[in-house]
Amino acid sequence: MSKVQEMYKTIAADDFPDTIALEFGDSRISYRRRSWNIGGEQRGLRYGENPDQPAALYEAVEGYPSIDGVRCKGPGQGLVSSLKEEQMLQAGKHPGKTNLTDVDNGINILQYLHARPAALIIKHNNPCGAAWSGAGIADALSKAYWSDRIAAFGGTVVVNRPLNLAAADLISSSYYEVVAAPDFEQGVLAIIKKRKNLRILRIPGLAGLEQFSSIPFLDIKSLCDGGLVLQRGFSDRIRSVQDFLPARAEKDGKVIEARTPTPAETEDLLFAWAVESGVSSNSVIFAKDGATVGIGTGEQDRVGCVELTIHKACTKYKDMLVFRECGKSLYEVRKDAAVNDRSAALLADAEAAAAAARGGLKASVLVSDGFFPFRDGVDLALEQGVTAIAQPGGSLRDGEVIAAVNEASPPVAMVFTGQRSFRH
């Protein structure tokens, strides 16, 4: 066991070159390998996705790629790739690849949520909880945490406003790997630095993501045969509630259209669609009152994704109820219930409350990163009390899907995004 534990403390051999360059048409983009002096040791990434995978981080230093005449991000626009030692307010040890890519995906989502204080908890490069709030960053972080308390353990917190004392208390009460914020108000660092293994990053650019979101980036993916796939990075076309399209299609020779969402429903759809940009496809998101209620990621079929997300939401809702009551997880209470009457009663109450609230999904909205090929996924969502849905549209069965929401009592709203949001 000691050898297994030791591998996580080891820095993998780093034999990557100091510089690399990419010839992109008439342009040449140059990159430099990043390293940091932490604890007196000058090294780059600790390791890659696993401890036995050497890895290196590179920052663009010269040249800009251009796609369709539009210049992509390049030198001087780095956030994670430009991190300096003085921004690592508490490093503990050199970062690993997943620490930084989780922060990066947090930024990827937050660039579309700049209008309000927003907080994300990222786990395995997917958000497990997300929220925005006009009441401030601590309220957003609390909502994100309670979206999925179980998965938040060991996650990465990324926020778009300076962390205040209330948010610091929330962070110090749980275990996280990384916290990234544009700044930290007075007294905050003294609180969260008590978590000695917590990596604390100050990234000022998190406060200015409105401009960041307007510039595309060159997305490079490597194939296992050594080849490359290049694409222009995803850009969310839904930047305001006015950008949604009416859900309209032809069915049985007639044009049918879904109900228009209320202002509150549209705001939640706008929020959830922004979060969707950072979720591995095939995925759906349930959201309510500016917070995620259930996030389904990486499933092979859409109706199965909806079904699993409903199950997850119900489980997390019951966990929230019992943890708030007794400080134990749902799984601990289930085990205790076999021999403890109080735990059995608590579990029964939680199960009844979760059933009544449909796992918190009642009166929520749903977004889907791809269209619904059949109405089955929509019918499942309607059974949970969803009141509005946003999806790309474009299915041959759009008419059947719209009919499903129109048949609900009362009718459920639906809009099209006119854009798919797959992330592979």
Foldseek 3Di string as FASTA:
>chain_A
DVVVVVLVVAQEDAPDDQKDWDDAPPKIWIKGWDWAQDPNDTDAASAEPDSHHRDTAIATDDIFHADPNATFDGPPLDFLSPDYPVQFVAALDHHHHVLSLLQVLVLQLLLLVLVFKKKFWGDPQATQKIFGDNVDNLVRVVLRCLLFVPRSAQTEMEILAADEPSNLVVPLVGHYQEYEYCHHDPPSCVRNVVNNNYGYGHGVCSNVSPVVLVGWHWDWDADPVGDIDIDIQDHQPCNDLVLWAWLWDDDPNRIDTADADDPQQSVQVSLQVSSLLRAAPQWKFKDHPGMTQFIFGDDDALLVSLVVRLVSLLQSQLQSQVCVVPVDGLVVLVVCLVPDVVSVVSSVVSNVVSVVCSSVRAQIEMEGLADHLALNSVLSSVVNHHAEYEHADDHPVSVRNSVSQVPRVPRHYYTHNVHHNHDD
